[in-house]
């Protein structure tokens, strides 16, 4: 993914060693089934589970998990590279 992003920004002279990955949970949260195509830059990551916490769609952040619920599905994340 870092290599793909640095190639797209070859005109701007982005070096692969300088590109840093950044990620954010999609807001509003997306389901895997609702994705029709990939982003123009970067990737969508899905299928990750949180252990001991959950994702609050209202607050757009991690919160304590519900009692006796060990694993919670994380909404789709957008991961890309930046300088």
N, C-alpha and C. Protein backbone atom coordinates (compact mmCIF):
# COMPACT_ATOMS: atom_id res chain seq x y z
N UNK A 1 0.83 -1.17 0.00
CA UNK A 1 0.00 0.00 0.00
C UNK A 1 0.89 1.24 0.00
N UNK A 2 1.95 1.25 0.81
CA UNK A 2 2.86 2.40 0.83
C UNK A 2 3.51 2.61 -0.54
N UNK A 3 3.86 1.50 -1.18
CA UNK A 3 4.49 1.60 -2.49
C UNK A 3 3.50 2.13 -3.53
N UNK A 4 2.27 1.69 -3.47
CA UNK A 4 1.24 2.17 -4.39
C UNK A 4 1.03 3.67 -4.24
N UNK A 5 0.94 4.15 -3.00
CA UNK A 5 0.73 5.58 -2.75
C UNK A 5 1.94 6.39 -3.20
N UNK A 6 3.14 5.90 -2.93
CA UNK A 6 4.34 6.65 -3.34
C UNK A 6 4.45 6.71 -4.86
N UNK A 7 4.03 5.66 -5.56
CA UNK A 7 4.04 5.69 -7.03
C UNK A 7 3.04 6.68 -7.58
N UNK A 8 1.87 6.79 -6.93
CA UNK A 8 0.87 7.77 -7.39
C UNK A 8 1.37 9.20 -7.21
N UNK A 9 2.26 9.40 -6.25
CA UNK A 9 2.79 10.74 -5.98
C UNK A 9 4.23 10.88 -6.47
N UNK A 10 4.57 10.14 -7.51
CA UNK A 10 5.93 10.22 -8.06
C UNK A 10 6.25 11.62 -8.58
N UNK A 11 5.24 12.29 -9.12
CA UNK A 11 5.43 13.66 -9.61
C UNK A 11 5.82 14.59 -8.46
N UNK A 12 5.25 14.33 -7.27
CA UNK A 12 5.56 15.14 -6.09
C UNK A 12 6.85 14.68 -5.40
N UNK A 13 7.49 13.64 -5.97
CA UNK A 13 8.76 13.11 -5.48
C UNK A 13 8.65 12.51 -4.07
N UNK A 14 7.60 11.73 -3.84
CA UNK A 14 7.44 11.02 -2.57
C UNK A 14 8.35 9.81 -2.59
N UNK A 15 9.24 9.70 -1.64
CA UNK A 15 10.11 8.53 -1.51
C UNK A 15 9.40 7.48 -0.66
N UNK A 16 9.58 6.23 -1.02
CA UNK A 16 8.92 5.14 -0.30
C UNK A 16 9.32 5.14 1.18
N UNK A 17 10.55 5.45 1.48
CA UNK A 17 11.03 5.46 2.87
C UNK A 17 10.40 6.57 3.70
N UNK A 18 9.90 7.62 3.05
CA UNK A 18 9.33 8.75 3.77
C UNK A 18 7.83 8.62 4.01
N UNK A 19 7.18 7.71 3.29
CA UNK A 19 5.72 7.55 3.41
C UNK A 19 5.40 6.83 4.71
N UNK A 20 4.44 7.37 5.44
CA UNK A 20 3.99 6.81 6.72
C UNK A 20 2.53 6.41 6.56
N UNK A 21 2.18 5.25 7.12
CA UNK A 21 0.79 4.79 7.04
C UNK A 21 -0.07 5.53 8.06
N UNK A 22 -1.28 5.86 7.63
CA UNK A 22 -2.27 6.46 8.52
C UNK A 22 -3.58 5.71 8.32
N UNK A 23 -4.35 5.60 9.38
CA UNK A 23 -5.61 4.87 9.28
C UNK A 23 -6.70 5.58 10.06
N UNK A 24 -7.92 5.38 9.60
CA UNK A 24 -9.08 5.92 10.31
C UNK A 24 -10.29 5.05 10.01
N UNK A 25 -11.15 4.93 10.98
CA UNK A 25 -12.40 4.18 10.80
C UNK A 25 -13.33 5.05 9.98
N UNK A 26 -13.98 4.45 9.00
CA UNK A 26 -14.88 5.21 8.14
C UNK A 26 -16.01 5.81 8.97
N UNK A 27 -16.34 7.06 8.65
CA UNK A 27 -17.41 7.74 9.38
C UNK A 27 -18.32 8.40 8.36
N UNK A 28 -19.56 8.07 8.25
CA UNK A 28 -20.27 7.07 9.02
C UNK A 28 -19.73 5.68 8.73
N UNK A 29 -19.81 4.78 9.70
CA UNK A 29 -19.24 3.45 9.54
C UNK A 29 -19.83 2.71 8.34
N UNK A 30 -18.95 2.02 7.61
CA UNK A 30 -19.38 1.26 6.44
C UNK A 30 -19.28 -0.23 6.73
N UNK A 31 -20.16 -0.99 6.10
CA UNK A 31 -20.09 -2.44 6.15
C UNK A 31 -19.35 -2.91 4.90
N UNK A 32 -18.77 -4.10 5.00
CA UNK A 32 -18.08 -4.67 3.86
C UNK A 32 -19.03 -4.81 2.67
N UNK A 33 -20.25 -5.19 2.92
CA UNK A 33 -21.22 -5.40 1.86
C UNK A 33 -21.59 -4.11 1.13
N UNK A 34 -21.45 -2.96 1.79
CA UNK A 34 -21.84 -1.69 1.17
C UNK A 34 -20.74 -1.12 0.27
N UNK A 35 -19.56 -1.70 0.29
CA UNK A 35 -18.46 -1.18 -0.53
C UNK A 35 -18.63 -1.64 -1.97
N UNK A 36 -18.74 -0.71 -2.87
CA UNK A 36 -18.89 -1.03 -4.28
C UNK A 36 -17.54 -1.07 -4.99
N UNK A 37 -16.63 -0.19 -4.60
CA UNK A 37 -15.31 -0.12 -5.21
C UNK A 37 -14.32 0.41 -4.18
N UNK A 38 -13.05 0.26 -4.47
CA UNK A 38 -12.01 0.71 -3.56
C UNK A 38 -11.82 2.22 -3.62
N UNK A 39 -11.07 2.77 -2.68
CA UNK A 39 -10.81 4.21 -2.70
C UNK A 39 -9.84 4.56 -3.82
N UNK A 40 -9.78 5.82 -4.19
CA UNK A 40 -8.87 6.24 -5.26
C UNK A 40 -7.42 6.11 -4.84
N UNK A 41 -7.17 6.18 -3.55
CA UNK A 41 -5.81 6.04 -3.01
C UNK A 41 -5.90 5.33 -1.67
N UNK A 42 -5.03 4.37 -1.42
CA UNK A 42 -5.07 3.63 -0.18
C UNK A 42 -5.94 2.39 -0.31
N UNK A 43 -6.32 1.81 0.84
CA UNK A 43 -7.11 0.58 0.85
C UNK A 43 -8.16 0.63 1.95
N UNK A 44 -9.21 -0.18 1.78
CA UNK A 44 -10.18 -0.41 2.84
C UNK A 44 -9.80 -1.73 3.52
N UNK A 45 -9.83 -1.75 4.84
CA UNK A 45 -9.52 -2.96 5.61
C UNK A 45 -10.77 -3.33 6.39
N UNK A 46 -11.13 -4.61 6.33
CA UNK A 46 -12.32 -5.09 7.04
C UNK A 46 -12.03 -6.44 7.66
N UNK A 47 -12.88 -6.85 8.58
CA UNK A 47 -12.72 -8.15 9.22
C UNK A 47 -11.89 -8.11 10.49
N UNK A 48 -11.61 -6.93 11.02
CA UNK A 48 -10.84 -6.82 12.25
C UNK A 48 -11.79 -6.82 13.45
N UNK A 49 -11.34 -7.45 14.51
CA UNK A 49 -12.12 -7.51 15.74
C UNK A 49 -11.37 -6.82 16.86
N UNK A 50 -12.10 -6.14 17.73
CA UNK A 50 -11.53 -5.50 18.92
C UNK A 50 -11.69 -6.45 20.10
N UNK A 51 -10.67 -6.52 20.93
CA UNK A 51 -10.66 -7.41 22.09
C UNK A 51 -10.68 -6.55 23.35
N UNK A 52 -11.78 -6.61 24.11
CA UNK A 52 -11.88 -5.87 25.36
C UNK A 52 -12.41 -4.46 25.23
N UNK A 53 -12.79 -4.07 24.04
CA UNK A 53 -13.40 -2.74 23.83
C UNK A 53 -14.33 -2.84 22.63
N UNK A 54 -15.02 -1.77 22.33
CA UNK A 54 -15.91 -1.76 21.16
C UNK A 54 -15.82 -0.39 20.51
N UNK A 55 -16.38 -0.27 19.32
CA UNK A 55 -16.36 0.98 18.59
C UNK A 55 -17.72 1.65 18.72
N UNK A 56 -17.71 2.90 19.18
CA UNK A 56 -18.94 3.68 19.29
C UNK A 56 -19.13 4.47 18.00
N UNK A 57 -20.17 4.13 17.25
CA UNK A 57 -20.43 4.86 16.00
C UNK A 57 -20.92 6.28 16.29
N UNK A 58 -21.59 6.46 17.40
CA UNK A 58 -22.09 7.79 17.76
C UNK A 58 -20.96 8.73 18.12
N UNK A 59 -20.00 8.23 18.92
CA UNK A 59 -18.88 9.05 19.37
C UNK A 59 -17.66 8.97 18.44
N UNK A 60 -17.67 8.00 17.51
CA UNK A 60 -16.58 7.77 16.57
C UNK A 60 -15.24 7.54 17.30
N UNK A 61 -15.29 6.67 18.30
CA UNK A 61 -14.08 6.33 19.06
C UNK A 61 -14.27 5.01 19.78
N UNK A 62 -13.18 4.48 20.34
CA UNK A 62 -13.28 3.24 21.11
C UNK A 62 -13.85 3.53 22.48
N UNK A 63 -14.67 2.60 22.95
CA UNK A 63 -15.29 2.71 24.27
C UNK A 63 -15.19 1.34 24.95
N UNK A 64 -15.51 1.30 26.23
CA UNK A 64 -15.53 0.02 26.95
C UNK A 64 -16.55 -0.91 26.32
N UNK A 65 -16.21 -2.18 26.30
CA UNK A 65 -17.14 -3.16 25.72
C UNK A 65 -18.29 -3.45 26.68
N UNK A 66 -19.34 -4.01 26.14
CA UNK A 66 -20.49 -4.40 26.96
C UNK A 66 -20.08 -5.57 27.85
N UNK A 67 -20.70 -5.70 29.01
CA UNK A 67 -20.35 -6.82 29.90
C UNK A 67 -20.52 -8.17 29.20
N UNK A 68 -19.56 -9.05 29.43
CA UNK A 68 -19.55 -10.43 28.92
C UNK A 68 -19.45 -10.52 27.40
N UNK A 69 -19.09 -9.44 26.73
CA UNK A 69 -18.88 -9.48 25.29
C UNK A 69 -17.39 -9.26 25.04
N UNK A 70 -16.70 -10.34 24.66
CA UNK A 70 -15.25 -10.28 24.54
C UNK A 70 -14.77 -9.62 23.25
N UNK A 71 -15.39 -9.95 22.12
CA UNK A 71 -14.91 -9.47 20.83
C UNK A 71 -15.99 -8.66 20.12
N UNK A 72 -15.57 -7.56 19.52
CA UNK A 72 -16.50 -6.70 18.78
C UNK A 72 -15.90 -6.38 17.42
N UNK A 73 -16.73 -6.42 16.38
CA UNK A 73 -16.29 -6.14 15.03
C UNK A 73 -16.01 -4.65 14.86
N UNK A 74 -14.87 -4.34 14.27
CA UNK A 74 -14.50 -2.96 13.96
C UNK A 74 -15.07 -2.61 12.59
N UNK A 75 -15.68 -1.43 12.43
CA UNK A 75 -16.16 -1.06 11.09
C UNK A 75 -14.99 -0.97 10.10
N UNK A 76 -15.31 -0.84 8.85
CA UNK A 76 -14.29 -0.75 7.80
C UNK A 76 -13.34 0.41 8.09
N UNK A 77 -12.04 0.15 7.93
CA UNK A 77 -11.01 1.18 8.13
C UNK A 77 -10.45 1.60 6.78
N UNK A 78 -10.10 2.88 6.67
CA UNK A 78 -9.43 3.41 5.48
C UNK A 78 -7.97 3.60 5.86
N UNK A 79 -7.06 2.96 5.11
CA UNK A 79 -5.63 3.05 5.38
C UNK A 79 -4.96 3.64 4.14
N UNK A 80 -4.11 4.64 4.35
CA UNK A 80 -3.39 5.27 3.25
C UNK A 80 -2.03 5.73 3.73
N UNK A 81 -1.26 6.28 2.85
CA UNK A 81 0.06 6.78 3.19
C UNK A 81 0.12 8.30 3.08
N UNK A 82 0.89 8.91 3.94
CA UNK A 82 1.09 10.37 3.93
C UNK A 82 2.57 10.65 4.13
N UNK A 83 2.96 11.87 3.83
CA UNK A 83 4.34 12.29 4.11
C UNK A 83 4.44 12.92 5.47
